[in-house]
């Protein structure tokens, strides 16, 4: 499931014809970079790929003042079919991406075990910072959100809180982790 495809096709289905800059402004207005894996700068390339795939089509080219010509796109019938499929996939599929932290912890340098408590506290502080940013962004956006959008944005906060809770359990288990790594080092 492609988040950027879902966002772009949905935007065209909801908003109608527009050019890439209008779509970029919409993405910035909706702060999609704060609650999705979409980067606003990737929108132009994605529009071109969607057009090449026949999901969007150029309906006209326009020029305003001294600005360069802009292609105005619209969603195609095939794009509407694809949008319905992507929406369903987005609601049904579960995506839990591997965190490089897990591999790094499983492959911790036994010669640097004394640094592990500080490293984990640094990670925890960064997660708390992300949580604070997320709460701040959410509160700033709250007056402009639908009920569903507010639930979607709160999802990020729940995920960060869960990560902090799990990390706290790792920090609490540090004596066992250090003992296990020390035993493994002695055995080799």
C-alpha atoms as a PDB file:
ATOM      1  CA  UNK A   1       0.000   0.000   0.000  1.00  0.00           C
ATOM      2  CA  UNK A   2       1.422   3.347  -0.996  1.00  0.00           C
ATOM      3  CA  UNK A   3       0.564   6.278   1.243  1.00  0.00           C
ATOM      4  CA  UNK A   4       1.547   8.854  -1.351  1.00  0.00           C
ATOM      5  CA  UNK A   5      -0.649   7.236  -4.003  1.00  0.00           C
ATOM      6  CA  UNK A   6      -3.565   7.176  -1.571  1.00  0.00           C
ATOM      7  CA  UNK A   7      -3.077  10.826  -0.636  1.00  0.00           C
ATOM      8  CA  UNK A   8      -2.720  12.061  -4.213  1.00  0.00           C
ATOM      9  CA  UNK A   9      -5.546  10.052  -5.744  1.00  0.00           C
ATOM     10  CA  UNK A  10      -7.839  10.946  -2.850  1.00  0.00           C
ATOM     11  CA  UNK A  11      -6.934  14.630  -3.158  1.00  0.00           C
ATOM     12  CA  UNK A  12      -7.843  14.639  -6.839  1.00  0.00           C
ATOM     13  CA  UNK A  13     -11.069  12.724  -6.173  1.00  0.00           C
ATOM     14  CA  UNK A  14     -12.073  15.213  -3.451  1.00  0.00           C
ATOM     15  CA  UNK A  15     -10.700  18.486  -4.795  1.00  0.00           C
ATOM     16  CA  UNK A  16     -10.968  17.981  -8.558  1.00  0.00           C
ATOM     17  CA  UNK A  17      -8.498  19.233 -11.146  1.00  0.00           C
ATOM     18  CA  UNK A  18      -5.297  20.865  -9.939  1.00  0.00           C
ATOM     19  CA  UNK A  19      -1.630  21.241 -10.723  1.00  0.00           C
ATOM     20  CA  UNK A  20       1.250  19.919  -8.689  1.00  0.00           C
ATOM     21  CA  UNK A  21       1.857  23.134  -6.768  1.00  0.00           C
ATOM     22  CA  UNK A  22      -1.767  23.217  -5.602  1.00  0.00           C
ATOM     23  CA  UNK A  23      -1.446  19.638  -4.408  1.00  0.00           C
ATOM     24  CA  UNK A  24       1.785  20.479  -2.605  1.00  0.00           C
ATOM     25  CA  UNK A  25       0.069  23.397  -0.858  1.00  0.00           C
ATOM     26  CA  UNK A  26      -2.753  21.065   0.180  1.00  0.00           C
ATOM     27  CA  UNK A  27      -0.230  18.590   1.607  1.00  0.00           C
ATOM     28  CA  UNK A  28       1.473  21.386   3.545  1.00  0.00           C
ATOM     29  CA  UNK A  29      -1.881  22.687   4.801  1.00  0.00           C
ATOM     30  CA  UNK A  30      -2.828  19.213   6.015  1.00  0.00           C
ATOM     31  CA  UNK A  31       0.668  18.667   7.503  1.00  0.00           C
ATOM     32  CA  UNK A  32       0.859  15.210   5.929  1.00  0.00           C
ATOM     33  CA  UNK A  33       4.577  15.024   6.711  1.00  0.00           C
ATOM     34  CA  UNK A  34       3.691  15.009  10.431  1.00  0.00           C
ATOM     35  CA  UNK A  35       1.355  12.033  10.389  1.00  0.00           C
ATOM     36  CA  UNK A  36       2.226   9.983   7.299  1.00  0.00           C
ATOM     37  CA  UNK A  37       5.350   8.683   5.620  1.00  0.00           C
ATOM     38  CA  UNK A  38       4.852  11.220   2.820  1.00  0.00           C
ATOM     39  CA  UNK A  39       7.399  13.930   2.154  1.00  0.00           C
ATOM     40  CA  UNK A  40       5.912  16.980   0.496  1.00  0.00           C
ATOM     41  CA  UNK A  41       8.819  17.153  -1.944  1.00  0.00           C
ATOM     42  CA  UNK A  42       8.009  13.684  -3.320  1.00  0.00           C
ATOM     43  CA  UNK A  43       4.610  14.787  -4.593  1.00  0.00           C
ATOM     44  CA  UNK A  44       5.744  16.049  -8.017  1.00  0.00           C
ATOM     45  CA  UNK A  45       7.490  12.816  -8.948  1.00  0.00           C
ATOM     46  CA  UNK A  46       4.563  10.756  -7.695  1.00  0.00           C
ATOM     47  CA  UNK A  47       2.134  12.774  -9.844  1.00  0.00           C
ATOM     48  CA  UNK A  48       4.229  11.989 -12.910  1.00  0.00           C
ATOM     49  CA  UNK A  49       4.315   8.279 -12.044  1.00  0.00           C
ATOM     50  CA  UNK A  50       0.539   8.226 -11.499  1.00  0.00           C
ATOM     51  CA  UNK A  51       0.043   9.924 -14.869  1.00  0.00           C
ATOM     52  CA  UNK A  52       2.392   7.428 -16.532  1.00  0.00           C
ATOM     53  CA  UNK A  53       0.336   4.622 -14.958  1.00  0.00           C
ATOM     54  CA  UNK A  54      -2.871   6.124 -16.394  1.00  0.00           C
ATOM     55  CA  UNK A  55      -4.316   6.987 -12.967  1.00  0.00           C
ATOM     56  CA  UNK A  56      -4.075  10.745 -13.561  1.00  0.00           C
ATOM     57  CA  UNK A  57      -4.290  12.621 -16.834  1.00  0.00           C
ATOM     58  CA  UNK A  58      -3.270  16.074 -17.985  1.00  0.00           C
ATOM     59  CA  UNK A  59      -6.450  17.995 -18.775  1.00  0.00           C
ATOM     60  CA  UNK A  60      -4.797  21.257 -19.727  1.00  0.00           C
ATOM     61  CA  UNK A  61      -1.680  23.361 -19.377  1.00  0.00           C
ATOM     62  CA  UNK A  62      -1.858  26.835 -17.919  1.00  0.00           C
ATOM     63  CA  UNK A  63       0.456  29.713 -17.229  1.00  0.00           C
ATOM     64  CA  UNK A  64      -0.058  32.414 -14.627  1.00  0.00           C
ATOM     65  CA  UNK A  65       2.025  35.563 -15.010  1.00  0.00           C
ATOM     66  CA  UNK A  66       5.735  34.850 -15.230  1.00  0.00           C
ATOM     67  CA  UNK A  67       5.428  31.394 -13.668  1.00  0.00           C
ATOM     68  CA  UNK A  68       6.372  28.407 -15.821  1.00  0.00           C
ATOM     69  CA  UNK A  69       3.642  26.407 -17.533  1.00  0.00           C
ATOM     70  CA  UNK A  70       1.869  23.990 -15.247  1.00  0.00           C
ATOM     71  CA  UNK A  71       0.061  20.805 -16.141  1.00  0.00           C
ATOM     72  CA  UNK A  72      -3.372  20.552 -14.580  1.00  0.00           C
ATOM     73  CA  UNK A  73      -4.266  16.954 -13.778  1.00  0.00           C
ATOM     74  CA  UNK A  74      -7.483  15.074 -13.077  1.00  0.00           C
ATOM     75  CA  UNK A  75      -8.080  11.576 -11.768  1.00  0.00           C
ATOM     76  CA  UNK A  76      -9.054   8.990 -14.379  1.00  0.00           C
ATOM     77  CA  UNK A  77     -11.630   6.217 -14.075  1.00  0.00           C
ATOM     78  CA  UNK A  78      -8.740   3.799 -13.565  1.00  0.00           C
ATOM     79  CA  UNK A  79      -7.461   6.136 -10.841  1.00  0.00           C
ATOM     80  CA  UNK A  80     -10.820   5.977  -9.046  1.00  0.00           C
ATOM     81  CA  UNK A  81     -10.736   2.169  -9.179  1.00  0.00           C
ATOM     82  CA  UNK A  82      -7.159   2.174  -7.872  1.00  0.00           C
ATOM     83  CA  UNK A  83      -8.118   4.646  -5.118  1.00  0.00           C
ATOM     84  CA  UNK A  84     -10.887   2.337  -3.871  1.00  0.00           C
ATOM     85  CA  UNK A  85      -8.431  -0.570  -3.805  1.00  0.00           C
ATOM     86  CA  UNK A  86      -5.733   1.431  -1.999  1.00  0.00           C
ATOM     87  CA  UNK A  87      -8.222   2.720   0.597  1.00  0.00           C
ATOM     88  CA  UNK A  88      -9.328  -0.827   1.384  1.00  0.00           C
ATOM     89  CA  UNK A  89      -5.742  -2.061   1.568  1.00  0.00           C
ATOM     90  CA  UNK A  90      -4.816   0.823   3.861  1.00  0.00           C
ATOM     91  CA  UNK A  91      -7.596  -0.092   6.277  1.00  0.00           C
ATOM     92  CA  UNK A  92      -6.995  -3.842   6.189  1.00  0.00           C
ATOM     93  CA  UNK A  93      -3.224  -4.289   5.902  1.00  0.00           C
ATOM     94  CA  UNK A  94      -1.123  -4.111   9.041  1.00  0.00           C
ATOM     95  CA  UNK A  95       2.323  -2.578   8.698  1.00  0.00           C
ATOM     96  CA  UNK A  96       4.848  -2.891  11.490  1.00  0.00           C
ATOM     97  CA  UNK A  97       8.236  -2.026  10.112  1.00  0.00           C
ATOM     98  CA  UNK A  98      11.380  -3.458  11.693  1.00  0.00           C
ATOM     99  CA  UNK A  99      13.210  -0.967  13.879  1.00  0.00           C
ATOM    100  CA  UNK A 100      17.014  -0.944  13.447  1.00  0.00           C
ATOM    101  CA  UNK A 101      17.156  -0.561  17.230  1.00  0.00           C
ATOM    102  CA  UNK A 102      16.221  -4.224  17.607  1.00  0.00           C
ATOM    103  CA  UNK A 103      19.124  -5.455  15.493  1.00  0.00           C
ATOM    104  CA  UNK A 104      21.549  -3.043  17.176  1.00  0.00           C
ATOM    105  CA  UNK A 105      20.445  -4.242  20.622  1.00  0.00           C
ATOM    106  CA  UNK A 106      20.678  -7.895  19.597  1.00  0.00           C
ATOM    107  CA  UNK A 107      24.184  -7.227  18.259  1.00  0.00           C
ATOM    108  CA  UNK A 108      25.389  -4.959  21.056  1.00  0.00           C
ATOM    109  CA  UNK A 109      29.154  -4.626  21.389  1.00  0.00           C
ATOM    110  CA  UNK A 110      30.011  -6.579  24.544  1.00  0.00           C
ATOM    111  CA  UNK A 111      33.023  -4.332  25.075  1.00  0.00           C
ATOM    112  CA  UNK A 112      30.713  -1.299  25.407  1.00  0.00           C
ATOM    113  CA  UNK A 113      28.020  -2.647  27.710  1.00  0.00           C
ATOM    114  CA  UNK A 114      28.787   0.104  30.208  1.00  0.00           C
ATOM    115  CA  UNK A 115      27.517   2.656  27.650  1.00  0.00           C
ATOM    116  CA  UNK A 116      24.175   0.904  27.201  1.00  0.00           C
ATOM    117  CA  UNK A 117      22.281   2.626  30.054  1.00  0.00           C
ATOM    118  CA  UNK A 118      23.213   6.082  28.769  1.00  0.00           C
ATOM    119  CA  UNK A 119      22.416   5.123  25.176  1.00  0.00           C
ATOM    120  CA  UNK A 120      18.981   3.824  26.156  1.00  0.00           C
ATOM    121  CA  UNK A 121      18.266   6.959  28.209  1.00  0.00           C
ATOM    122  CA  UNK A 122      19.239   9.077  25.181  1.00  0.00           C
ATOM    123  CA  UNK A 123      16.807   7.094  23.022  1.00  0.00           C
ATOM    124  CA  UNK A 124      14.108   7.527  25.668  1.00  0.00           C
ATOM    125  CA  UNK A 125      14.711  11.286  25.761  1.00  0.00           C
ATOM    126  CA  UNK A 126      14.389  11.438  21.961  1.00  0.00           C
ATOM    127  CA  UNK A 127      11.118   9.512  22.095  1.00  0.00           C
ATOM    128  CA  UNK A 128       9.823  11.897  24.754  1.00  0.00           C
ATOM    129  CA  UNK A 129      10.822  14.794  22.492  1.00  0.00           C
ATOM    130  CA  UNK A 130       8.914  13.213  19.582  1.00  0.00           C
ATOM    131  CA  UNK A 131       5.914  12.762  21.838  1.00  0.00           C
ATOM    132  CA  UNK A 132       6.048  16.396  22.925  1.00  0.00           C
ATOM    133  CA  UNK A 133       6.280  17.538  19.282  1.00  0.00           C
ATOM    134  CA  UNK A 134       3.392  15.296  18.330  1.00  0.00           C
ATOM    135  CA  UNK A 135       1.211  16.586  21.160  1.00  0.00           C
ATOM    136  CA  UNK A 136       2.091  20.191  20.298  1.00  0.00           C
ATOM    137  CA  UNK A 137       1.298  19.688  16.603  1.00  0.00           C
ATOM    138  CA  UNK A 138      -1.920  17.917  17.466  1.00  0.00           C
ATOM    139  CA  UNK A 139      -3.074  20.676  19.812  1.00  0.00           C
ATOM    140  CA  UNK A 140      -2.275  23.355  17.226  1.00  0.00           C
ATOM    141  CA  UNK A 141      -4.200  21.482  14.552  1.00  0.00           C
ATOM    142  CA  UNK A 142      -7.115  20.313  16.739  1.00  0.00           C
ATOM    143  CA  UNK A 143      -9.463  23.245  15.964  1.00  0.00           C
ATOM    144  CA  UNK A 144      -9.182  22.480  12.252  1.00  0.00           C
ATOM    145  CA  UNK A 145      -9.598  18.703  12.411  1.00  0.00           C
ATOM    146  CA  UNK A 146     -12.586  16.501  11.865  1.00  0.00           C
ATOM    147  CA  UNK A 147     -13.299  13.945  14.551  1.00  0.00           C
ATOM    148  CA  UNK A 148     -11.761  11.187  12.433  1.00  0.00           C
ATOM    149  CA  UNK A 149      -8.667  13.252  11.670  1.00  0.00           C
ATOM    150  CA  UNK A 150      -8.151  13.885  15.384  1.00  0.00           C
ATOM    151  CA  UNK A 151      -8.321  10.136  16.020  1.00  0.00           C
ATOM    152  CA  UNK A 152      -5.815   9.517  13.235  1.00  0.00           C
ATOM    153  CA  UNK A 153      -3.373  12.090  14.590  1.00  0.00           C
ATOM    154  CA  UNK A 154      -3.669  10.682  18.109  1.00  0.00           C
ATOM    155  CA  UNK A 155      -2.532   7.302  16.750  1.00  0.00           C
ATOM    156  CA  UNK A 156       1.053   8.564  16.469  1.00  0.00           C
ATOM    157  CA  UNK A 157       1.019   9.591  20.120  1.00  0.00           C
ATOM    158  CA  UNK A 158      -0.238   6.160  21.156  1.00  0.00           C
ATOM    159  CA  UNK A 159       2.509   4.477  19.160  1.00  0.00           C
ATOM    160  CA  UNK A 160       5.222   6.669  20.701  1.00  0.00           C
ATOM    161  CA  UNK A 161       3.870   6.098  24.216  1.00  0.00           C
ATOM    162  CA  UNK A 162       3.865   2.362  23.585  1.00  0.00           C
ATOM    163  CA  UNK A 163       7.478   2.529  22.377  1.00  0.00           C
ATOM    164  CA  UNK A 164       8.473   4.430  25.535  1.00  0.00           C
ATOM    165  CA  UNK A 165       6.720   1.829  27.701  1.00  0.00           C
ATOM    166  CA  UNK A 166       8.514  -1.001  25.914  1.00  0.00           C
ATOM    167  CA  UNK A 167      11.863   0.809  26.186  1.00  0.00           C
ATOM    168  CA  UNK A 168      11.272   1.287  29.907  1.00  0.00           C
ATOM    169  CA  UNK A 169      10.911  -2.502  30.206  1.00  0.00           C
ATOM    170  CA  UNK A 170      14.254  -2.928  28.415  1.00  0.00           C
ATOM    171  CA  UNK A 171      15.871  -0.397  30.760  1.00  0.00           C
ATOM    172  CA  UNK A 172      14.433  -2.279  33.741  1.00  0.00           C
ATOM    173  CA  UNK A 173      15.885  -5.516  32.321  1.00  0.00           C
ATOM    174  CA  UNK A 174      19.374  -4.059  31.802  1.00  0.00           C
ATOM    175  CA  UNK A 175      20.966  -6.184  34.556  1.00  0.00           C
ATOM    176  CA  UNK A 176      19.710  -9.359  32.846  1.00  0.00           C
ATOM    177  CA  UNK A 177      20.754  -8.089  29.409  1.00  0.00           C
ATOM    178  CA  UNK A 178      24.252  -7.200  30.614  1.00  0.00           C
ATOM    179  CA  UNK A 179      24.580 -10.557  32.433  1.00  0.00           C
ATOM    180  CA  UNK A 180      23.515 -12.448  29.305  1.00  0.00           C
ATOM    181  CA  UNK A 181      25.943 -10.550  27.073  1.00  0.00           C
ATOM    182  CA  UNK A 182      28.761 -11.010  29.606  1.00  0.00           C
ATOM    183  CA  UNK A 183      28.081 -14.758  29.798  1.00  0.00           C
ATOM    184  CA  UNK A 184      28.055 -14.999  26.013  1.00  0.00           C
ATOM    185  CA  UNK A 185      31.385 -13.143  25.822  1.00  0.00           C
ATOM    186  CA  UNK A 186      32.948 -15.521  28.371  1.00  0.00           C
ATOM    187  CA  UNK A 187      31.627 -18.568  26.524  1.00  0.00           C
ATOM    188  CA  UNK A 188      33.221 -17.542  23.230  1.00  0.00           C
END
